[in-house]
Amino acid sequence: MLEEAGLEPRLSYRPLGEEIDGSFVLNGRTMLLEAKWTQAPHPASSLYQFRGKVDGKLVGTIGLFVSMAGFSADAIDALVAGKHLNLILADGNDIREVVSRKVDIARMIDRKLRAAAEAGTPYFSIVGAGKPVARKVFVVEGPFDRRALLSIMRLFGEPSRLDVPDIIPAGGPANLTRIVEAIAPGLRESTRFILVADGDDLSARTRRDLQEISDKDAFGHLVKVIVLSPDLDHALGLAPSQTLGWDGRRRLRPLDDDQLDTLIGNADLGGRAAQDPAVADLLHELDVDIDQD
């Protein structure tokens, strides 16, 4: 892909004993590349290791870390909380957008660089962020959350609706507000943002950021925050009530769309909405009509 885009790739070299997967040249700037194809999302330690390699190069050098399995939420949050940012991240969904010719790789990297420069976000998903947006933009923590909301709209939404909201994964709770800051300036002022966060893993700083942006204008856009407790999986009834923590929820991620639709169809969302105002608020914002017993 890099070769086809004319980005002059140089792959797998070892400067002074280091191993770097490659480099390429974009708009006259040399960038370093780390590419991983593993089963599990990459943790913060992997990003720190690559950042150390980038730190040792020419001042201003930027690294692109590609992980087909994505990144753990704490990894992206750690970069957001850092003092300086010299990495941008891409996952399998981004690469599939390039492979399917929806965007070329140079344009993808340019979008990520601009979001990082303007909003301080290391992870800016190309999925859902590159097309004209509807009157609502949902920003959720991760790709599974996005799939869950899309499933709810497939099952319970109005098929004739033309104005379907965009749903953008942030990669972690600390990155939610930064995604808004990255894309809000280019949208029409009538667009509303709905940020959906898990309540169990919000740091004090992230809670403060969400509180500050909630119900306020961000570049002329109204922003609403919905916090699900303890998390989206449990609030929607997708994870057993006795299952706690990430290890218990991990099994949901590999479900295909049909399996996810079946799980959500059996989750009694109406009953959960009747008991949980946050779930009712989320369904309302999705414009789905589910009986609440």
C-alpha atoms as a PDB file:
ATOM      1  CA  MET A   1       0.000   0.000   0.000  1.00  0.00           C
ATOM      2  CA  LEU A   2       2.810   2.388   0.856  1.00  0.00           C
ATOM      3  CA  GLU A   3       4.569   1.602  -2.413  1.00  0.00           C
ATOM      4  CA  GLU A   4       1.400   2.106  -4.455  1.00  0.00           C
ATOM      5  CA  ALA A   5       0.865   5.491  -2.784  1.00  0.00           C
ATOM      6  CA  GLY A   6       4.396   6.615  -3.673  1.00  0.00           C
ATOM      7  CA  LEU A   7       5.479   6.914  -0.028  1.00  0.00           C
ATOM      8  CA  GLU A   8       8.951   5.420  -0.586  1.00  0.00           C
ATOM      9  CA  PRO A   9       8.739   2.644   2.025  1.00  0.00           C
ATOM     10  CA  ARG A  10      11.849   1.166   3.590  1.00  0.00           C
ATOM     11  CA  LEU A  11      11.075  -2.015   5.486  1.00  0.00           C
ATOM     12  CA  SER A  12      12.699  -3.861   8.386  1.00  0.00           C
ATOM     13  CA  TYR A  13      15.980  -2.164   9.186  1.00  0.00           C
ATOM     14  CA  ARG A  14      18.152  -2.067  12.307  1.00  0.00           C
ATOM     15  CA  PRO A  15      19.648   1.316  13.229  1.00  0.00           C
ATOM     16  CA  LEU A  16      22.262   0.894  15.977  1.00  0.00           C
ATOM     17  CA  GLY A  17      20.916  -2.453  17.100  1.00  0.00           C
ATOM     18  CA  GLU A  18      17.251  -1.411  17.164  1.00  0.00           C
ATOM     19  CA  GLU A  19      14.688  -3.216  15.078  1.00  0.00           C
ATOM     20  CA  ILE A  20      12.212  -0.961  13.310  1.00  0.00           C
ATOM     21  CA  ASP A  21       9.587  -2.414  10.991  1.00  0.00           C
ATOM     22  CA  GLY A  22       9.999   0.354   8.458  1.00  0.00           C
ATOM     23  CA  SER A  23       9.781   3.975   7.452  1.00  0.00           C
ATOM     24  CA  PHE A  24       8.138   5.987   4.703  1.00  0.00           C
ATOM     25  CA  VAL A  25       8.014   9.547   3.433  1.00  0.00           C
ATOM     26  CA  LEU A  26       4.780  11.561   3.517  1.00  0.00           C
ATOM     27  CA  ASN A  27       4.726  15.140   2.237  1.00  0.00           C
ATOM     28  CA  GLY A  28       8.497  15.367   2.612  1.00  0.00           C
ATOM     29  CA  ARG A  29       8.482  14.051   6.203  1.00  0.00           C
ATOM     30  CA  THR A  30      10.011  10.705   7.139  1.00  0.00           C
ATOM     31  CA  MET A  31       7.829   8.685   9.493  1.00  0.00           C
ATOM     32  CA  LEU A  32       8.662   5.458  11.320  1.00  0.00           C
ATOM     33  CA  LEU A  33       6.414   2.404  11.094  1.00  0.00           C
ATOM     34  CA  GLU A  34       5.591  -0.393  13.515  1.00  0.00           C
ATOM     35  CA  ALA A  35       3.163  -3.060  12.242  1.00  0.00           C
ATOM     36  CA  LYS A  36       1.687  -5.893  14.317  1.00  0.00           C
ATOM     37  CA  TRP A  37      -0.717  -8.661  13.385  1.00  0.00           C
ATOM     38  CA  THR A  38      -1.578 -10.436  16.625  1.00  0.00           C
ATOM     39  CA  GLN A  39      -4.721 -11.933  18.111  1.00  0.00           C
ATOM     40  CA  ALA A  40      -4.945  -9.621  21.124  1.00  0.00           C
ATOM     41  CA  PRO A  41      -5.081  -5.796  21.177  1.00  0.00           C
ATOM     42  CA  HIS A  42      -1.711  -4.245  21.924  1.00  0.00           C
ATOM     43  CA  PRO A  43      -1.158  -2.881  25.441  1.00  0.00           C
ATOM     44  CA  ALA A  44       0.479   0.328  26.573  1.00  0.00           C
ATOM     45  CA  SER A  45       3.871  -1.390  26.947  1.00  0.00           C
ATOM     46  CA  SER A  46       4.061  -2.022  23.185  1.00  0.00           C
ATOM     47  CA  LEU A  47       3.352   1.635  22.436  1.00  0.00           C
ATOM     48  CA  TYR A  48       5.886   2.828  25.002  1.00  0.00           C
ATOM     49  CA  GLN A  49       8.565   0.609  23.451  1.00  0.00           C
ATOM     50  CA  PHE A  50       7.962   2.043  19.989  1.00  0.00           C
ATOM     51  CA  ARG A  51       7.719   5.585  21.343  1.00  0.00           C
ATOM     52  CA  GLY A  52      11.160   5.131  22.852  1.00  0.00           C
ATOM     53  CA  LYS A  53      12.542   4.330  19.412  1.00  0.00           C
ATOM     54  CA  VAL A  54      10.858   7.404  17.925  1.00  0.00           C
ATOM     55  CA  ASP A  55      12.128   9.616  20.767  1.00  0.00           C
ATOM     56  CA  GLY A  56      15.700   8.769  19.841  1.00  0.00           C
ATOM     57  CA  LYS A  57      15.408  10.078  16.290  1.00  0.00           C
ATOM     58  CA  LEU A  58      15.370  13.552  14.758  1.00  0.00           C
ATOM     59  CA  VAL A  59      13.278  16.035  16.738  1.00  0.00           C
ATOM     60  CA  GLY A  60       9.778  16.095  15.302  1.00  0.00           C
ATOM     61  CA  THR A  61       9.853  12.523  14.001  1.00  0.00           C
ATOM     62  CA  ILE A  62       6.433  10.845  14.105  1.00  0.00           C
ATOM     63  CA  GLY A  63       5.697   7.130  14.367  1.00  0.00           C
ATOM     64  CA  LEU A  64       2.759   5.203  12.930  1.00  0.00           C
ATOM     65  CA  PHE A  65       1.849   2.096  14.945  1.00  0.00           C
ATOM     66  CA  VAL A  66      -0.465  -0.299  13.079  1.00  0.00           C
ATOM     67  CA  SER A  67      -2.124  -3.096  15.077  1.00  0.00           C
ATOM     68  CA  MET A  68      -4.633  -5.196  13.156  1.00  0.00           C
ATOM     69  CA  ALA A  69      -6.191  -6.319  16.461  1.00  0.00           C
ATOM     70  CA  GLY A  70      -6.408  -2.763  17.755  1.00  0.00           C
ATOM     71  CA  PHE A  71      -5.238  -1.367  21.062  1.00  0.00           C
ATOM     72  CA  SER A  72      -6.271  -1.773  24.664  1.00  0.00           C
ATOM     73  CA  ALA A  73      -8.227   1.172  26.084  1.00  0.00           C
ATOM     74  CA  ASP A  74      -5.567   1.796  28.697  1.00  0.00           C
ATOM     75  CA  ALA A  75      -2.922   2.012  25.953  1.00  0.00           C
ATOM     76  CA  ILE A  76      -4.675   4.856  24.165  1.00  0.00           C
ATOM     77  CA  ASP A  77      -5.560   6.553  27.447  1.00  0.00           C
ATOM     78  CA  ALA A  78      -1.893   6.406  28.474  1.00  0.00           C
ATOM     79  CA  LEU A  79      -0.830   8.220  25.311  1.00  0.00           C
ATOM     80  CA  VAL A  80      -3.560  10.825  25.789  1.00  0.00           C
ATOM     81  CA  ALA A  81      -2.340  11.467  29.331  1.00  0.00           C
ATOM     82  CA  GLY A  82       1.309  11.777  28.272  1.00  0.00           C
ATOM     83  CA  LYS A  83       3.224  15.031  28.172  1.00  0.00           C
ATOM     84  CA  HIS A  84       4.031  14.818  24.481  1.00  0.00           C
ATOM     85  CA  LEU A  85       2.578  12.921  21.541  1.00  0.00           C
ATOM     86  CA  ASN A  86       4.710  11.551  18.721  1.00  0.00           C
ATOM     87  CA  LEU A  87       2.694   8.463  17.760  1.00  0.00           C
ATOM     88  CA  ILE A  88      -0.450   8.009  15.709  1.00  0.00           C
ATOM     89  CA  LEU A  89      -2.332   4.709  15.702  1.00  0.00           C
ATOM     90  CA  ALA A  90      -4.157   2.661  13.071  1.00  0.00           C
ATOM     91  CA  ASP A  91      -6.066  -0.583  13.521  1.00  0.00           C
ATOM     92  CA  GLY A  92      -7.493  -3.304  11.314  1.00  0.00           C
ATOM     93  CA  ASN A  93     -10.633  -1.305  10.598  1.00  0.00           C
ATOM     94  CA  ASP A  94      -8.547   1.568   9.246  1.00  0.00           C
ATOM     95  CA  ILE A  95      -6.517  -0.769   7.052  1.00  0.00           C
ATOM     96  CA  ARG A  96      -9.662  -2.416   5.704  1.00  0.00           C
ATOM     97  CA  GLU A  97     -10.939   1.029   4.690  1.00  0.00           C
ATOM     98  CA  VAL A  98      -7.730   1.465   2.680  1.00  0.00           C
ATOM     99  CA  VAL A  99      -7.857  -2.022   1.152  1.00  0.00           C
ATOM    100  CA  SER A 100     -11.486  -1.487   0.086  1.00  0.00           C
ATOM    101  CA  ARG A 101     -10.423   1.761  -1.642  1.00  0.00           C
ATOM    102  CA  LYS A 102     -12.661   3.954   0.526  1.00  0.00           C
ATOM    103  CA  VAL A 103      -9.619   6.085   1.334  1.00  0.00           C
ATOM    104  CA  ASP A 104      -5.995   5.922   0.223  1.00  0.00           C
ATOM    105  CA  ILE A 105      -3.321   5.354   2.830  1.00  0.00           C
ATOM    106  CA  ALA A 106      -1.738   8.793   2.435  1.00  0.00           C
ATOM    107  CA  ARG A 107      -5.084  10.470   3.062  1.00  0.00           C
ATOM    108  CA  MET A 108      -5.698   8.202   6.050  1.00  0.00           C
ATOM    109  CA  ILE A 109      -2.384   9.187   7.635  1.00  0.00           C
ATOM    110  CA  ASP A 110      -2.965  12.874   6.872  1.00  0.00           C
ATOM    111  CA  ARG A 111      -6.320  12.768   8.687  1.00  0.00           C
ATOM    112  CA  LYS A 112      -4.748  11.104  11.698  1.00  0.00           C
ATOM    113  CA  LEU A 113      -1.880  13.602  11.780  1.00  0.00           C
ATOM    114  CA  ARG A 114      -4.239  16.558  11.641  1.00  0.00           C
ATOM    115  CA  ALA A 115      -6.420  15.155  14.439  1.00  0.00           C
ATOM    116  CA  ALA A 116      -3.321  14.547  16.562  1.00  0.00           C
ATOM    117  CA  ALA A 117      -2.009  18.072  15.924  1.00  0.00           C
ATOM    118  CA  GLU A 118      -5.314  19.864  16.499  1.00  0.00           C
ATOM    119  CA  ALA A 119      -6.843  17.786  19.312  1.00  0.00           C
ATOM    120  CA  GLY A 120      -4.019  15.738  20.800  1.00  0.00           C
ATOM    121  CA  THR A 121      -5.634  12.423  19.903  1.00  0.00           C
ATOM    122  CA  PRO A 122      -3.302   9.507  19.038  1.00  0.00           C
ATOM    123  CA  TYR A 123      -6.191   7.385  17.732  1.00  0.00           C
ATOM    124  CA  PHE A 124      -8.543   8.861  15.163  1.00  0.00           C
ATOM    125  CA  SER A 125     -10.616   6.169  13.479  1.00  0.00           C
ATOM    126  CA  ILE A 126     -11.199   6.600   9.769  1.00  0.00           C
ATOM    127  CA  VAL A 127     -14.339   4.455  10.058  1.00  0.00           C
ATOM    128  CA  GLY A 128     -17.358   6.724  10.237  1.00  0.00           C
ATOM    129  CA  ALA A 129     -15.315   9.919  10.318  1.00  0.00           C
ATOM    130  CA  GLY A 130     -14.635  10.517   6.651  1.00  0.00           C
ATOM    131  CA  LYS A 131     -18.122  10.913   5.206  1.00  0.00           C
ATOM    132  CA  PRO A 132     -20.740  13.699   5.471  1.00  0.00           C
ATOM    133  CA  VAL A 133     -22.260  13.310   8.908  1.00  0.00           C
ATOM    134  CA  ALA A 134     -25.855  13.197  10.044  1.00  0.00           C
ATOM    135  CA  ARG A 135     -27.476  15.446  12.616  1.00  0.00           C
ATOM    136  CA  LYS A 136     -26.081  13.213  15.383  1.00  0.00           C
ATOM    137  CA  VAL A 137     -22.592  11.845  15.911  1.00  0.00           C
ATOM    138  CA  PHE A 138     -22.095   9.198  18.579  1.00  0.00           C
ATOM    139  CA  VAL A 139     -18.584   8.815  19.972  1.00  0.00           C
ATOM    140  CA  VAL A 140     -18.153   5.508  21.817  1.00  0.00           C
ATOM    141  CA  GLU A 141     -15.207   3.914  23.571  1.00  0.00           C
ATOM    142  CA  GLY A 142     -14.436   1.075  21.175  1.00  0.00           C
ATOM    143  CA  PRO A 143     -15.341  -0.870  18.007  1.00  0.00           C
ATOM    144  CA  PHE A 144     -17.559  -3.352  19.884  1.00  0.00           C
ATOM    145  CA  ASP A 145     -19.613  -0.501  21.352  1.00  0.00           C
ATOM    146  CA  ARG A 146     -20.067   0.834  17.823  1.00  0.00           C
ATOM    147  CA  ARG A 147     -21.224  -2.579  16.603  1.00  0.00           C
ATOM    148  CA  ALA A 148     -23.652  -2.888  19.512  1.00  0.00           C
ATOM    149  CA  LEU A 149     -25.326   0.450  18.739  1.00  0.00           C
ATOM    150  CA  LEU A 150     -25.515  -0.410  15.035  1.00  0.00           C
ATOM    151  CA  SER A 151     -27.161  -3.709  15.967  1.00  0.00           C
ATOM    152  CA  ILE A 152     -29.764  -1.924  18.096  1.00  0.00           C
ATOM    153  CA  MET A 153     -30.603   0.346  15.169  1.00  0.00           C
ATOM    154  CA  ARG A 154     -30.830  -2.632  12.789  1.00  0.00           C
ATOM    155  CA  LEU A 155     -33.211  -4.476  15.091  1.00  0.00           C
ATOM    156  CA  PHE A 156     -35.365  -1.674  16.440  1.00  0.00           C
ATOM    157  CA  GLY A 157     -34.789   1.379  14.257  1.00  0.00           C
ATOM    158  CA  GLU A 158     -37.083   2.745  11.601  1.00  0.00           C
ATOM    159  CA  PRO A 159     -35.971   1.266   8.226  1.00  0.00           C
ATOM    160  CA  SER A 160     -37.176   4.295   6.279  1.00  0.00           C
ATOM    161  CA  ARG A 161     -35.000   6.745   8.219  1.00  0.00           C
ATOM    162  CA  LEU A 162     -32.636   8.618   5.950  1.00  0.00           C
ATOM    163  CA  ASP A 163     -30.740  10.459   8.674  1.00  0.00           C
ATOM    164  CA  VAL A 164     -28.756   7.655  10.318  1.00  0.00           C
ATOM    165  CA  PRO A 165     -26.275   8.829  12.964  1.00  0.00           C
ATOM    166  CA  ASP A 166     -22.564   8.321  12.592  1.00  0.00           C
ATOM    167  CA  ILE A 167     -20.884   6.236  15.301  1.00  0.00           C
ATOM    168  CA  ILE A 168     -17.165   6.754  15.837  1.00  0.00           C
ATOM    169  CA  PRO A 169     -14.967   4.632  18.150  1.00  0.00           C
ATOM    170  CA  ALA A 170     -12.535   6.613  20.306  1.00  0.00           C
ATOM    171  CA  GLY A 171     -10.361   3.715  21.465  1.00  0.00           C
ATOM    172  CA  GLY A 172     -10.707   4.579  25.148  1.00  0.00           C
ATOM    173  CA  PRO A 173     -12.570   6.891  27.532  1.00  0.00           C
ATOM    174  CA  ALA A 174      -9.825   9.520  27.750  1.00  0.00           C
ATOM    175  CA  ASN A 175      -9.993  10.013  23.976  1.00  0.00           C
ATOM    176  CA  LEU A 176     -13.750  10.712  23.771  1.00  0.00           C
ATOM    177  CA  THR A 177     -13.575  14.477  24.124  1.00  0.00           C
ATOM    178  CA  ARG A 178     -10.531  14.688  21.852  1.00  0.00           C
ATOM    179  CA  ILE A 179     -12.432  13.021  19.018  1.00  0.00           C
ATOM    180  CA  VAL A 180     -15.082  15.738  19.360  1.00  0.00           C
ATOM    181  CA  GLU A 181     -12.393  18.414  19.234  1.00  0.00           C
ATOM    182  CA  ALA A 182     -10.850  16.775  16.156  1.00  0.00           C
ATOM    183  CA  ILE A 183     -13.957  16.589  13.970  1.00  0.00           C
ATOM    184  CA  ALA A 184     -16.297  19.292  15.293  1.00  0.00           C
ATOM    185  CA  PRO A 185     -14.772  22.266  13.418  1.00  0.00           C
ATOM    186  CA  GLY A 186     -15.620  20.764  10.025  1.00  0.00           C
ATOM    187  CA  LEU A 187     -19.267  19.947  10.732  1.00  0.00           C
ATOM    188  CA  ARG A 188     -22.444  21.910  10.355  1.00  0.00           C
ATOM    189  CA  GLU A 189     -23.485  23.669  13.558  1.00  0.00           C
ATOM    190  CA  SER A 190     -26.749  21.708  13.807  1.00  0.00           C
ATOM    191  CA  THR A 191     -24.812  18.491  14.442  1.00  0.00           C
ATOM    192  CA  ARG A 192     -25.045  17.126  17.997  1.00  0.00           C
ATOM    193  CA  PHE A 193     -22.514  14.902  19.711  1.00  0.00           C
ATOM    194  CA  ILE A 194     -23.494  12.079  22.054  1.00  0.00           C
ATOM    195  CA  LEU A 195     -20.570  10.642  24.016  1.00  0.00           C
ATOM    196  CA  VAL A 196     -21.146   7.155  25.459  1.00  0.00           C
ATOM    197  CA  ALA A 197     -18.780   6.114  28.253  1.00  0.00           C
ATOM    198  CA  ASP A 198     -18.410   3.152  30.609  1.00  0.00           C
ATOM    199  CA  GLY A 199     -18.678   4.284  34.202  1.00  0.00           C
ATOM    200  CA  ASP A 200     -16.348   1.713  35.731  1.00  0.00           C
ATOM    201  CA  ASP A 201     -13.043   2.849  34.232  1.00  0.00           C
ATOM    202  CA  LEU A 202     -13.243   6.632  34.174  1.00  0.00           C
ATOM    203  CA  SER A 203     -10.250   8.403  35.681  1.00  0.00           C
ATOM    204  CA  ALA A 204     -10.726  11.615  37.602  1.00  0.00           C
ATOM    205  CA  ARG A 205      -9.262  13.545  34.685  1.00  0.00           C
ATOM    206  CA  THR A 206     -11.621  11.903  32.165  1.00  0.00           C
ATOM    207  CA  ARG A 207     -14.636  12.544  34.405  1.00  0.00           C
ATOM    208  CA  ARG A 208     -13.618  16.182  34.594  1.00  0.00           C
ATOM    209  CA  ASP A 209     -13.210  16.419  30.816  1.00  0.00           C
ATOM    210  CA  LEU A 210     -16.624  14.854  30.234  1.00  0.00           C
ATOM    211  CA  GLN A 211     -18.262  17.090  32.814  1.00  0.00           C
ATOM    212  CA  GLU A 212     -16.729  20.197  31.269  1.00  0.00           C
ATOM    213  CA  ILE A 213     -17.895  19.359  27.753  1.00  0.00           C
ATOM    214  CA  SER A 214     -21.336  18.024  28.700  1.00  0.00           C
ATOM    215  CA  ASP A 215     -24.287  20.227  27.731  1.00  0.00           C
ATOM    216  CA  LYS A 216     -21.912  22.871  26.404  1.00  0.00           C
ATOM    217  CA  ASP A 217     -21.065  24.100  22.960  1.00  0.00           C
ATOM    218  CA  ALA A 218     -17.937  22.629  21.391  1.00  0.00           C
ATOM    219  CA  PHE A 219     -17.106  24.680  18.312  1.00  0.00           C
ATOM    220  CA  GLY A 220     -20.800  25.528  18.054  1.00  0.00           C
ATOM    221  CA  HIS A 221     -22.056  21.971  18.642  1.00  0.00           C
ATOM    222  CA  LEU A 222     -24.118  20.704  21.549  1.00  0.00           C
ATOM    223  CA  VAL A 223     -22.491  17.790  23.362  1.00  0.00           C
ATOM    224  CA  LYS A 224     -24.318  15.268  25.540  1.00  0.00           C
ATOM    225  CA  VAL A 225     -22.632  12.637  27.728  1.00  0.00           C
ATOM    226  CA  ILE A 226     -24.236   9.295  28.630  1.00  0.00           C
ATOM    227  CA  VAL A 227     -22.408   7.196  31.239  1.00  0.00           C
ATOM    228  CA  LEU A 228     -23.475   3.541  31.427  1.00  0.00           C
ATOM    229  CA  SER A 229     -22.935   1.649  34.675  1.00  0.00           C
ATOM    230  CA  PRO A 230     -20.863  -0.330  35.141  1.00  0.00           C
ATOM    231  CA  ASP A 231     -20.276  -0.548  31.377  1.00  0.00           C
ATOM    232  CA  LEU A 232     -22.154  -0.866  28.091  1.00  0.00           C
ATOM    233  CA  ASP A 233     -22.015  -4.677  28.054  1.00  0.00           C
ATOM    234  CA  HIS A 234     -23.706  -5.044  31.445  1.00  0.00           C
ATOM    235  CA  ALA A 235     -26.058  -2.068  31.080  1.00  0.00           C
ATOM    236  CA  LEU A 236     -27.512  -3.522  27.868  1.00  0.00           C
ATOM    237  CA  GLY A 237     -27.651  -7.045  29.273  1.00  0.00           C
ATOM    238  CA  LEU A 238     -25.054  -8.484  26.912  1.00  0.00           C
ATOM    239  CA  ALA A 239     -22.817  -9.840  29.681  1.00  0.00           C
ATOM    240  CA  PRO A 240     -24.091 -12.071  32.513  1.00  0.00           C
ATOM    241  CA  SER A 241     -24.824 -10.080  35.648  1.00  0.00           C
ATOM    242  CA  GLN A 242     -22.354 -12.167  37.610  1.00  0.00           C
ATOM    243  CA  THR A 243     -19.530 -11.496  35.146  1.00  0.00           C
ATOM    244  CA  LEU A 244     -17.268  -8.665  36.219  1.00  0.00           C
ATOM    245  CA  GLY A 245     -14.285  -7.035  34.561  1.00  0.00           C
ATOM    246  CA  TRP A 246     -12.761  -7.177  31.133  1.00  0.00           C
ATOM    247  CA  ASP A 247     -11.912 -10.895  31.241  1.00  0.00           C
ATOM    248  CA  GLY A 248     -15.575 -11.760  31.524  1.00  0.00           C
ATOM    249  CA  ARG A 249     -16.563  -9.478  28.647  1.00  0.00           C
ATOM    250  CA  ARG A 250     -13.790 -10.471  26.249  1.00  0.00           C
ATOM    251  CA  ARG A 251     -15.831 -13.374  24.877  1.00  0.00           C
ATOM    252  CA  LEU A 252     -18.326 -10.957  23.319  1.00  0.00           C
ATOM    253  CA  ARG A 253     -15.803  -9.301  20.991  1.00  0.00           C
ATOM    254  CA  PRO A 254     -15.435 -12.113  18.411  1.00  0.00           C
ATOM    255  CA  LEU A 255     -19.211 -12.424  17.844  1.00  0.00           C
ATOM    256  CA  ASP A 256     -20.242 -11.867  14.240  1.00  0.00           C
ATOM    257  CA  ASP A 257     -23.104  -9.505  13.382  1.00  0.00           C
ATOM    258  CA  ASP A 258     -25.767 -12.237  13.337  1.00  0.00           C
ATOM    259  CA  GLN A 259     -24.684 -13.537  16.744  1.00  0.00           C
ATOM    260  CA  LEU A 260     -24.601 -10.020  18.160  1.00  0.00           C
ATOM    261  CA  ASP A 261     -28.077  -9.286  16.771  1.00  0.00           C
ATOM    262  CA  THR A 262     -29.391 -12.449  18.448  1.00  0.00           C
ATOM    263  CA  LEU A 263     -27.796 -11.500  21.770  1.00  0.00           C
ATOM    264  CA  ILE A 264     -29.191  -7.971  21.686  1.00  0.00           C
ATOM    265  CA  GLY A 265     -32.599  -9.181  20.509  1.00  0.00           C
ATOM    266  CA  ASN A 266     -32.821 -11.374  23.610  1.00  0.00           C
ATOM    267  CA  ALA A 267     -31.511  -8.746  26.038  1.00  0.00           C
ATOM    268  CA  ASP A 268     -34.851  -7.171  27.058  1.00  0.00           C
ATOM    269  CA  LEU A 269     -33.690  -3.635  26.339  1.00  0.00           C
ATOM    270  CA  GLY A 270     -37.127  -2.276  27.169  1.00  0.00           C
ATOM    271  CA  GLY A 271     -36.992  -3.710  30.663  1.00  0.00           C
ATOM    272  CA  ARG A 272     -33.481  -2.410  31.175  1.00  0.00           C
ATOM    273  CA  ALA A 273     -34.465   1.041  29.954  1.00  0.00           C
ATOM    274  CA  ALA A 274     -37.334   1.076  32.446  1.00  0.00           C
ATOM    275  CA  GLN A 275     -34.882   0.422  35.282  1.00  0.00           C
ATOM    276  CA  ASP A 276     -31.904   2.487  34.090  1.00  0.00           C
ATOM    277  CA  PRO A 277     -32.368   6.107  32.950  1.00  0.00           C
ATOM    278  CA  ALA A 278     -28.991   6.039  31.161  1.00  0.00           C
ATOM    279  CA  VAL A 279     -30.096   3.107  28.979  1.00  0.00           C
ATOM    280  CA  ALA A 280     -33.423   4.855  28.282  1.00  0.00           C
ATOM    281  CA  ASP A 281     -31.505   8.002  27.339  1.00  0.00           C
ATOM    282  CA  LEU A 282     -29.248   6.050  24.970  1.00  0.00           C
ATOM    283  CA  LEU A 283     -32.189   4.372  23.213  1.00  0.00           C
ATOM    284  CA  HIS A 284     -33.916   7.737  22.904  1.00  0.00           C
ATOM    285  CA  GLU A 285     -30.861   9.275  21.271  1.00  0.00           C
ATOM    286  CA  LEU A 286     -30.670   6.312  18.881  1.00  0.00           C
ATOM    287  CA  ASP A 287     -34.280   7.074  17.906  1.00  0.00           C
ATOM    288  CA  VAL A 288     -35.420   3.508  18.522  1.00  0.00           C
ATOM    289  CA  ASP A 289     -38.815   2.658  19.962  1.00  0.00           C
ATOM    290  CA  ILE A 290     -38.735  -0.222  22.441  1.00  0.00           C
ATOM    291  CA  ASP A 291     -41.581  -0.981  24.862  1.00  0.00           C
ATOM    292  CA  GLN A 292     -40.520  -0.376  28.438  1.00  0.00           C
ATOM    293  CA  ASP A 293     -42.347  -2.692  30.816  1.00  0.00           C
END
